[in-house]
Amino acid sequence: MPASNPLDILLAHNHWATRSLLDACLPLTPEQFHRRFEIGLGSLYDTFAHMIGAINIWLDILAERTPRPISDGKARDVPEYLMLLDAVCAELTEAVAARPLTDVMLRVRDGKTFKYTRAVIFTHVATHGVHHRAQAINMLRHLGVTPLPKSSVAEWSLAVDPIA
């Protein structure tokens, strides 16, 4: 059955699109994965560290535990990022069903407290990666990767959730 819940679509698409980009990075050399660009966070490595780390931070907020830093300082390769992405996206999907989306969560950052509904947090996490994925696609283009991975919601729908 095709997906019809916008939240489910956003969460599934976010995972699929980010995974598609990481899959496109598998043939890259470590030098290419770490190559610096004047785009976004500067490298594919840093872009994926940021995207996956941000999901982790928001999951910690949802679980009401102290947010872990975006980077733990460990150098990771593409297969490790794929495993981390799968794990955090699975946890995020479980978290969607855990409590009402209307519940208010607190985030303390730089000594300031911010209040967000769980719906805002899930929507933010699902949409945060859109511009970072565009930056990563541009980096892959500069590296000569062809074909470039698909990343739109419509492409996700045709690839994994076609209407018969």
N, C-alpha and C. Protein backbone atom coordinates (compact mmCIF):
# COMPACT_ATOMS: atom_id res chain seq x y z
N MET A 1 0.84 -1.18 0.00
CA MET A 1 0.00 0.00 0.00
C MET A 1 0.88 1.24 0.00
N PRO A 2 0.59 2.18 -0.87
CA PRO A 2 1.39 3.40 -0.93
C PRO A 2 1.30 4.19 0.37
N ALA A 3 2.39 4.86 0.71
CA ALA A 3 2.40 5.70 1.91
C ALA A 3 1.46 6.87 1.72
N SER A 4 0.72 7.20 2.77
CA SER A 4 -0.20 8.33 2.68
C SER A 4 -0.07 9.29 3.86
N ASN A 5 0.64 8.89 4.90
CA ASN A 5 0.85 9.76 6.04
C ASN A 5 2.07 10.64 5.77
N PRO A 6 1.89 11.97 5.72
CA PRO A 6 3.03 12.83 5.40
C PRO A 6 4.24 12.65 6.31
N LEU A 7 4.02 12.39 7.59
CA LEU A 7 5.15 12.20 8.50
C LEU A 7 5.92 10.94 8.14
N ASP A 8 5.19 9.86 7.86
CA ASP A 8 5.86 8.62 7.45
C ASP A 8 6.65 8.84 6.17
N ILE A 9 6.07 9.58 5.23
CA ILE A 9 6.74 9.86 3.96
C ILE A 9 8.01 10.66 4.21
N LEU A 10 7.93 11.71 5.02
CA LEU A 10 9.10 12.53 5.29
C LEU A 10 10.23 11.73 5.94
N LEU A 11 9.88 10.91 6.92
CA LEU A 11 10.91 10.13 7.61
C LEU A 11 11.53 9.08 6.69
N ALA A 12 10.70 8.38 5.92
CA ALA A 12 11.22 7.36 5.00
C ALA A 12 12.06 8.00 3.91
N HIS A 13 11.58 9.12 3.38
CA HIS A 13 12.33 9.80 2.32
C HIS A 13 13.67 10.29 2.84
N ASN A 14 13.70 10.88 4.02
CA ASN A 14 14.95 11.38 4.59
C ASN A 14 15.99 10.26 4.67
N HIS A 15 15.58 9.10 5.15
CA HIS A 15 16.49 7.97 5.26
C HIS A 15 16.94 7.52 3.87
N TRP A 16 15.99 7.32 2.97
CA TRP A 16 16.29 6.82 1.62
C TRP A 16 17.22 7.78 0.88
N ALA A 17 16.91 9.07 0.90
CA ALA A 17 17.69 10.04 0.13
C ALA A 17 19.11 10.16 0.68
N THR A 18 19.26 10.17 1.99
CA THR A 18 20.59 10.26 2.59
C THR A 18 21.37 8.99 2.31
N ARG A 19 20.69 7.84 2.40
CA ARG A 19 21.33 6.55 2.11
C ARG A 19 21.76 6.49 0.64
N SER A 20 20.94 7.00 -0.26
CA SER A 20 21.29 7.01 -1.69
C SER A 20 22.58 7.78 -1.93
N LEU A 21 22.72 8.90 -1.24
CA LEU A 21 23.95 9.69 -1.38
C LEU A 21 25.16 8.95 -0.81
N LEU A 22 24.98 8.34 0.35
CA LEU A 22 26.09 7.58 0.93
C LEU A 22 26.46 6.40 0.04
N ASP A 23 25.46 5.73 -0.53
CA ASP A 23 25.75 4.63 -1.47
C ASP A 23 26.59 5.12 -2.64
N ALA A 24 26.29 6.34 -3.12
CA ALA A 24 27.07 6.91 -4.22
C ALA A 24 28.51 7.22 -3.81
N CYS A 25 28.74 7.33 -2.51
CA CYS A 25 30.09 7.60 -1.99
C CYS A 25 30.93 6.34 -1.82
N LEU A 26 30.30 5.17 -1.85
CA LEU A 26 31.04 3.93 -1.62
C LEU A 26 32.25 3.76 -2.53
N PRO A 27 32.15 4.06 -3.84
CA PRO A 27 33.34 3.88 -4.69
C PRO A 27 34.41 4.95 -4.54
N LEU A 28 34.12 6.00 -3.81
CA LEU A 28 35.10 7.09 -3.66
C LEU A 28 36.30 6.64 -2.83
N THR A 29 37.43 7.22 -3.12
CA THR A 29 38.61 7.00 -2.28
C THR A 29 38.44 7.81 -1.00
N PRO A 30 39.17 7.48 0.05
CA PRO A 30 39.11 8.31 1.26
C PRO A 30 39.47 9.77 0.97
N GLU A 31 40.41 9.99 0.06
CA GLU A 31 40.78 11.36 -0.28
C GLU A 31 39.61 12.11 -0.91
N GLN A 32 38.86 11.44 -1.78
CA GLN A 32 37.70 12.08 -2.40
C GLN A 32 36.61 12.35 -1.36
N PHE A 33 36.38 11.40 -0.45
CA PHE A 33 35.35 11.55 0.57
C PHE A 33 35.66 12.71 1.51
N HIS A 34 36.94 12.99 1.70
CA HIS A 34 37.38 14.08 2.58
C HIS A 34 37.78 15.35 1.82
N ARG A 35 37.70 15.33 0.49
CA ARG A 35 38.12 16.49 -0.30
C ARG A 35 37.35 17.72 0.12
N ARG A 36 38.05 18.83 0.23
CA ARG A 36 37.45 20.09 0.65
C ARG A 36 36.86 20.83 -0.54
N PHE A 37 35.66 21.37 -0.35
CA PHE A 37 34.97 22.17 -1.34
C PHE A 37 34.50 23.45 -0.65
N GLU A 38 34.31 24.48 -1.42
CA GLU A 38 33.72 25.70 -0.87
C GLU A 38 32.21 25.60 -1.02
N ILE A 39 31.69 24.54 -0.42
CA ILE A 39 30.26 24.24 -0.47
C ILE A 39 29.87 23.76 0.93
N GLY A 40 28.84 24.34 1.49
CA GLY A 40 28.28 23.85 2.74
C GLY A 40 29.31 23.65 3.83
N LEU A 41 29.35 22.43 4.37
CA LEU A 41 30.26 22.11 5.46
C LEU A 41 31.67 21.78 4.98
N GLY A 42 31.88 21.73 3.68
CA GLY A 42 33.22 21.63 3.14
C GLY A 42 33.64 20.30 2.57
N SER A 43 33.06 19.20 3.02
CA SER A 43 33.41 17.88 2.47
C SER A 43 32.22 16.95 2.64
N LEU A 44 32.23 15.89 1.87
CA LEU A 44 31.18 14.88 2.04
C LEU A 44 31.24 14.29 3.44
N TYR A 45 32.46 14.00 3.91
CA TYR A 45 32.64 13.45 5.25
C TYR A 45 31.99 14.34 6.30
N ASP A 46 32.30 15.64 6.27
CA ASP A 46 31.76 16.57 7.26
C ASP A 46 30.25 16.74 7.11
N THR A 47 29.76 16.67 5.89
CA THR A 47 28.32 16.81 5.66
C THR A 47 27.56 15.65 6.29
N PHE A 48 28.02 14.43 6.07
CA PHE A 48 27.32 13.28 6.65
C PHE A 48 27.50 13.21 8.17
N ALA A 49 28.67 13.61 8.67
CA ALA A 49 28.86 13.66 10.13
C ALA A 49 27.84 14.61 10.74
N HIS A 50 27.65 15.76 10.11
CA HIS A 50 26.70 16.75 10.61
C HIS A 50 25.26 16.22 10.53
N MET A 51 24.88 15.68 9.40
CA MET A 51 23.49 15.24 9.22
C MET A 51 23.12 14.12 10.19
N ILE A 52 23.97 13.12 10.30
CA ILE A 52 23.68 11.99 11.19
C ILE A 52 23.80 12.43 12.64
N GLY A 53 24.78 13.26 12.93
CA GLY A 53 24.94 13.77 14.29
C GLY A 53 23.75 14.59 14.74
N ALA A 54 23.19 15.38 13.82
CA ALA A 54 22.02 16.20 14.17
C ALA A 54 20.82 15.32 14.51
N ILE A 55 20.64 14.24 13.77
CA ILE A 55 19.54 13.31 14.11
C ILE A 55 19.76 12.76 15.51
N ASN A 56 20.99 12.40 15.83
CA ASN A 56 21.30 11.88 17.17
C ASN A 56 20.96 12.89 18.26
N ILE A 57 21.32 14.15 18.04
CA ILE A 57 21.04 15.17 19.06
C ILE A 57 19.53 15.30 19.29
N TRP A 58 18.76 15.36 18.20
CA TRP A 58 17.31 15.49 18.37
C TRP A 58 16.71 14.23 18.98
N LEU A 59 17.25 13.07 18.69
CA LEU A 59 16.78 11.85 19.35
C LEU A 59 17.05 11.92 20.86
N ASP A 60 18.20 12.43 21.23
CA ASP A 60 18.51 12.58 22.65
C ASP A 60 17.51 13.53 23.32
N ILE A 61 17.14 14.58 22.64
CA ILE A 61 16.15 15.52 23.18
C ILE A 61 14.81 14.82 23.35
N LEU A 62 14.41 14.06 22.34
CA LEU A 62 13.15 13.32 22.43
C LEU A 62 13.16 12.30 23.56
N ALA A 63 14.31 11.71 23.81
CA ALA A 63 14.45 10.72 24.88
C ALA A 63 14.72 11.38 26.24
N GLU A 64 14.80 12.71 26.25
CA GLU A 64 15.06 13.48 27.46
C GLU A 64 16.36 13.06 28.14
N ARG A 65 17.38 12.89 27.31
CA ARG A 65 18.72 12.60 27.83
C ARG A 65 19.66 13.69 27.33
N THR A 66 20.80 13.82 27.95
CA THR A 66 21.76 14.85 27.58
C THR A 66 22.21 14.63 26.14
N PRO A 67 22.05 15.66 25.30
CA PRO A 67 22.47 15.49 23.90
C PRO A 67 23.96 15.17 23.77
N ARG A 68 24.23 14.19 22.94
CA ARG A 68 25.61 13.82 22.63
C ARG A 68 26.12 14.78 21.56
N PRO A 69 27.44 15.03 21.56
CA PRO A 69 27.98 15.93 20.53
C PRO A 69 27.78 15.34 19.13
N ILE A 70 27.73 16.25 18.14
CA ILE A 70 27.55 15.80 16.76
C ILE A 70 28.68 14.87 16.35
N SER A 71 29.89 15.19 16.73
CA SER A 71 31.02 14.35 16.36
C SER A 71 31.71 13.86 17.62
N ASP A 72 31.99 12.56 17.65
CA ASP A 72 32.72 12.02 18.80
C ASP A 72 34.21 11.97 18.53
N GLY A 73 34.63 12.55 17.41
CA GLY A 73 36.05 12.60 17.08
C GLY A 73 36.56 11.36 16.37
N LYS A 74 35.73 10.34 16.22
CA LYS A 74 36.16 9.12 15.55
C LYS A 74 36.03 9.28 14.04
N ALA A 75 37.10 8.96 13.33
CA ALA A 75 37.05 8.99 11.87
C ALA A 75 36.25 7.79 11.38
N ARG A 76 35.30 8.04 10.51
CA ARG A 76 34.44 6.97 10.00
C ARG A 76 34.54 6.92 8.49
N ASP A 77 34.34 5.70 7.95
CA ASP A 77 34.29 5.56 6.51
C ASP A 77 32.83 5.44 6.09
N VAL A 78 32.59 5.35 4.79
CA VAL A 78 31.22 5.33 4.27
C VAL A 78 30.41 4.16 4.84
N PRO A 79 30.93 2.93 4.86
CA PRO A 79 30.11 1.83 5.44
C PRO A 79 29.71 2.09 6.90
N GLU A 80 30.59 2.70 7.67
CA GLU A 80 30.23 3.03 9.06
C GLU A 80 29.12 4.07 9.11
N TYR A 81 29.20 5.07 8.22
CA TYR A 81 28.13 6.07 8.17
C TYR A 81 26.81 5.43 7.74
N LEU A 82 26.86 4.47 6.83
CA LEU A 82 25.63 3.78 6.43
C LEU A 82 24.99 3.06 7.61
N MET A 83 25.81 2.37 8.40
CA MET A 83 25.29 1.67 9.58
C MET A 83 24.71 2.65 10.59
N LEU A 84 25.42 3.75 10.84
CA LEU A 84 24.92 4.77 11.77
C LEU A 84 23.61 5.38 11.28
N LEU A 85 23.55 5.70 10.01
CA LEU A 85 22.34 6.27 9.44
C LEU A 85 21.16 5.32 9.62
N ASP A 86 21.35 4.06 9.28
CA ASP A 86 20.27 3.08 9.43
C ASP A 86 19.81 3.00 10.88
N ALA A 87 20.75 3.02 11.80
CA ALA A 87 20.41 2.90 13.23
C ALA A 87 19.64 4.13 13.72
N VAL A 88 20.13 5.33 13.40
CA VAL A 88 19.44 6.52 13.91
C VAL A 88 18.08 6.70 13.25
N CYS A 89 17.97 6.35 11.98
CA CYS A 89 16.67 6.48 11.30
C CYS A 89 15.67 5.46 11.85
N ALA A 90 16.13 4.26 12.18
CA ALA A 90 15.24 3.27 12.79
C ALA A 90 14.77 3.76 14.16
N GLU A 91 15.69 4.32 14.94
CA GLU A 91 15.33 4.84 16.25
C GLU A 91 14.36 6.01 16.12
N LEU A 92 14.58 6.85 15.13
CA LEU A 92 13.69 7.99 14.91
C LEU A 92 12.28 7.51 14.56
N THR A 93 12.20 6.52 13.70
CA THR A 93 10.89 5.98 13.31
C THR A 93 10.16 5.41 14.53
N GLU A 94 10.88 4.72 15.39
CA GLU A 94 10.28 4.21 16.63
C GLU A 94 9.83 5.36 17.53
N ALA A 95 10.62 6.41 17.58
CA ALA A 95 10.29 7.54 18.44
C ALA A 95 9.02 8.25 18.00
N VAL A 96 8.72 8.20 16.70
CA VAL A 96 7.49 8.83 16.20
C VAL A 96 6.27 8.25 16.90
N ALA A 97 6.27 6.96 17.10
CA ALA A 97 5.11 6.29 17.68
C ALA A 97 5.11 6.27 19.21
N ALA A 98 6.18 6.71 19.83
CA ALA A 98 6.34 6.54 21.28
C ALA A 98 5.42 7.42 22.12
N ARG A 99 5.21 8.64 21.69
CA ARG A 99 4.40 9.59 22.47
C ARG A 99 3.65 10.50 21.53
N PRO A 100 2.65 11.19 22.01
CA PRO A 100 1.89 12.10 21.13
C PRO A 100 2.78 13.20 20.55
N LEU A 101 2.50 13.54 19.31
CA LEU A 101 3.27 14.58 18.63
C LEU A 101 3.03 15.96 19.23
N THR A 102 1.99 16.09 20.02
CA THR A 102 1.69 17.38 20.66
C THR A 102 2.50 17.61 21.92
N ASP A 103 3.16 16.58 22.46
CA ASP A 103 3.98 16.75 23.65
C ASP A 103 5.06 17.80 23.40
N VAL A 104 5.35 18.59 24.42
CA VAL A 104 6.37 19.63 24.31
C VAL A 104 7.68 19.11 24.89
N MET A 105 8.75 19.33 24.15
CA MET A 105 10.09 18.91 24.56
C MET A 105 10.94 20.16 24.77
N LEU A 106 11.92 20.05 25.64
CA LEU A 106 12.82 21.16 25.91
C LEU A 106 14.19 20.88 25.33
N ARG A 107 14.79 21.91 24.75
CA ARG A 107 16.17 21.82 24.30
C ARG A 107 16.93 22.96 24.94
N VAL A 108 17.99 22.62 25.64
CA VAL A 108 18.86 23.64 26.23
C VAL A 108 20.10 23.72 25.36
N ARG A 109 20.36 24.95 24.89
CA ARG A 109 21.52 25.16 24.03
C ARG A 109 22.12 26.52 24.36
N ASP A 110 23.39 26.51 24.64
CA ASP A 110 24.11 27.76 24.98
C ASP A 110 23.42 28.50 26.12
N GLY A 111 22.94 27.76 27.11
CA GLY A 111 22.32 28.36 28.28
C GLY A 111 20.89 28.82 28.09
N LYS A 112 20.34 28.65 26.90
CA LYS A 112 18.96 29.05 26.63
C LYS A 112 18.10 27.80 26.47
N THR A 113 16.86 27.91 26.94
CA THR A 113 15.93 26.79 26.83
C THR A 113 14.90 27.10 25.75
N PHE A 114 14.73 26.14 24.85
CA PHE A 114 13.78 26.26 23.76
C PHE A 114 12.73 25.18 23.91
N LYS A 115 11.49 25.50 23.57
CA LYS A 115 10.39 24.53 23.65
C LYS A 115 9.91 24.22 22.24
N TYR A 116 9.77 22.93 21.96
CA TYR A 116 9.27 22.47 20.67
C TYR A 116 8.29 21.33 20.88
N THR A 117 7.27 21.26 20.04
CA THR A 117 6.44 20.05 20.07
C THR A 117 7.24 18.94 19.40
N ARG A 118 6.87 17.71 19.72
CA ARG A 118 7.52 16.57 19.07
C ARG A 118 7.28 16.63 17.56
N ALA A 119 6.13 17.14 17.13
CA ALA A 119 5.84 17.26 15.69
C ALA A 119 6.85 18.19 15.02
N VAL A 120 7.19 19.30 15.66
CA VAL A 120 8.17 20.22 15.11
C VAL A 120 9.53 19.53 15.01
N ILE A 121 9.91 18.80 16.05
CA ILE A 121 11.21 18.12 16.04
C ILE A 121 11.28 17.10 14.90
N PHE A 122 10.26 16.27 14.76
CA PHE A 122 10.28 15.27 13.69
C PHE A 122 10.30 15.91 12.32
N THR A 123 9.53 16.98 12.15
CA THR A 123 9.51 17.67 10.86
C THR A 123 10.86 18.30 10.58
N HIS A 124 11.46 18.91 11.60
CA HIS A 124 12.79 19.51 11.42
C HIS A 124 13.80 18.44 11.02
N VAL A 125 13.82 17.33 11.73
CA VAL A 125 14.79 16.27 11.42
C VAL A 125 14.58 15.77 9.99
N ALA A 126 13.33 15.60 9.60
CA ALA A 126 13.03 15.06 8.27
C ALA A 126 13.38 16.03 7.15
N THR A 127 13.37 17.33 7.45
CA THR A 127 13.64 18.30 6.39
C THR A 127 15.03 18.93 6.49
N HIS A 128 15.71 18.76 7.59
CA HIS A 128 17.03 19.37 7.82
C HIS A 128 18.02 18.98 6.74
N GLY A 129 17.99 17.74 6.32
CA GLY A 129 18.99 17.25 5.38
C GLY A 129 18.80 17.68 3.94
N VAL A 130 17.68 18.31 3.61
CA VAL A 130 17.41 18.64 2.21
C VAL A 130 18.52 19.50 1.61
N HIS A 131 18.87 20.60 2.26
CA HIS A 131 19.90 21.46 1.68
C HIS A 131 21.28 20.83 1.77
N HIS A 132 21.52 20.03 2.82
CA HIS A 132 22.81 19.35 2.92
C HIS A 132 22.95 18.29 1.82
N ARG A 133 21.85 17.61 1.49
CA ARG A 133 21.91 16.64 0.39
C ARG A 133 22.19 17.35 -0.93
N ALA A 134 21.59 18.52 -1.13
CA ALA A 134 21.87 19.29 -2.35
C ALA A 134 23.36 19.66 -2.41
N GLN A 135 23.92 20.05 -1.28
CA GLN A 135 25.35 20.36 -1.24
C GLN A 135 26.18 19.12 -1.56
N ALA A 136 25.79 17.97 -1.00
CA ALA A 136 26.52 16.72 -1.25
C ALA A 136 26.42 16.32 -2.72
N ILE A 137 25.26 16.50 -3.33
CA ILE A 137 25.12 16.18 -4.75
C ILE A 137 26.06 17.07 -5.57
N ASN A 138 26.17 18.33 -5.19
CA ASN A 138 27.08 19.23 -5.89
C ASN A 138 28.53 18.77 -5.73
N MET A 139 28.90 18.33 -4.54
CA MET A 139 30.26 17.81 -4.32
C MET A 139 30.49 16.57 -5.18
N LEU A 140 29.50 15.66 -5.21
CA LEU A 140 29.63 14.46 -6.03
C LEU A 140 29.78 14.82 -7.51
N ARG A 141 29.03 15.83 -7.94
CA ARG A 141 29.14 16.30 -9.33
C ARG A 141 30.56 16.78 -9.61
N HIS A 142 31.14 17.54 -8.68
CA HIS A 142 32.51 18.03 -8.84
C HIS A 142 33.52 16.88 -8.86
N LEU A 143 33.18 15.78 -8.21
CA LEU A 143 34.07 14.61 -8.20
C LEU A 143 33.87 13.73 -9.44
N GLY A 144 32.92 14.09 -10.29
CA GLY A 144 32.69 13.34 -11.52
C GLY A 144 31.82 12.10 -11.36
N VAL A 145 31.09 12.01 -10.27
CA VAL A 145 30.22 10.85 -10.05
C VAL A 145 29.03 10.93 -11.00
N THR A 146 28.82 9.84 -11.73
CA THR A 146 27.65 9.72 -12.61
C THR A 146 27.13 8.29 -12.55
N PRO A 147 25.86 8.08 -12.59
CA PRO A 147 24.85 9.11 -12.48
C PRO A 147 24.78 9.62 -11.04
N LEU A 148 24.32 10.83 -10.90
CA LEU A 148 24.14 11.38 -9.56
C LEU A 148 22.92 10.71 -8.92
N PRO A 149 22.98 10.50 -7.61
CA PRO A 149 21.85 9.84 -6.94
C PRO A 149 20.58 10.68 -6.97
N LYS A 150 19.49 10.00 -6.96
CA LYS A 150 18.18 10.67 -6.89
C LYS A 150 17.94 11.05 -5.44
N SER A 151 17.15 12.12 -5.22
CA SER A 151 16.96 12.52 -3.83
C SER A 151 15.61 13.15 -3.53
N SER A 152 14.76 13.36 -4.52
CA SER A 152 13.50 14.05 -4.25
C SER A 152 12.45 13.09 -3.70
N VAL A 153 11.42 13.65 -3.09
CA VAL A 153 10.32 12.84 -2.57
C VAL A 153 9.63 12.10 -3.71
N ALA A 154 9.45 12.76 -4.84
CA ALA A 154 8.81 12.11 -5.98
C ALA A 154 9.65 10.93 -6.47
N GLU A 155 10.97 11.10 -6.51
CA GLU A 155 11.86 10.00 -6.91
C GLU A 155 11.81 8.87 -5.90
N TRP A 156 11.75 9.20 -4.60
CA TRP A 156 11.60 8.18 -3.56
C TRP A 156 10.31 7.39 -3.81
N SER A 157 9.22 8.11 -4.07
CA SER A 157 7.94 7.45 -4.27
C SER A 157 8.00 6.45 -5.42
N LEU A 158 8.59 6.84 -6.52
CA LEU A 158 8.69 5.95 -7.68
C LEU A 158 9.63 4.77 -7.42
N ALA A 159 10.66 4.99 -6.60
CA ALA A 159 11.65 3.95 -6.34
C ALA A 159 11.19 2.92 -5.30
N VAL A 160 10.53 3.38 -4.27
CA VAL A 160 10.23 2.45 -3.16
C VAL A 160 8.77 2.30 -2.82
N ASP A 161 7.92 3.17 -3.33
CA ASP A 161 6.51 3.14 -2.92
C ASP A 161 5.60 3.42 -4.11
N PRO A 162 5.82 2.69 -5.23
CA PRO A 162 5.01 3.00 -6.41
C PRO A 162 3.54 2.65 -6.22
N ILE A 163 2.72 3.42 -6.86
CA ILE A 163 1.30 3.13 -6.87
C ILE A 163 1.04 2.18 -8.03
N ALA A 164 0.47 1.06 -7.72
CA ALA A 164 0.25 0.03 -8.76
C ALA A 164 -0.77 0.48 -9.78
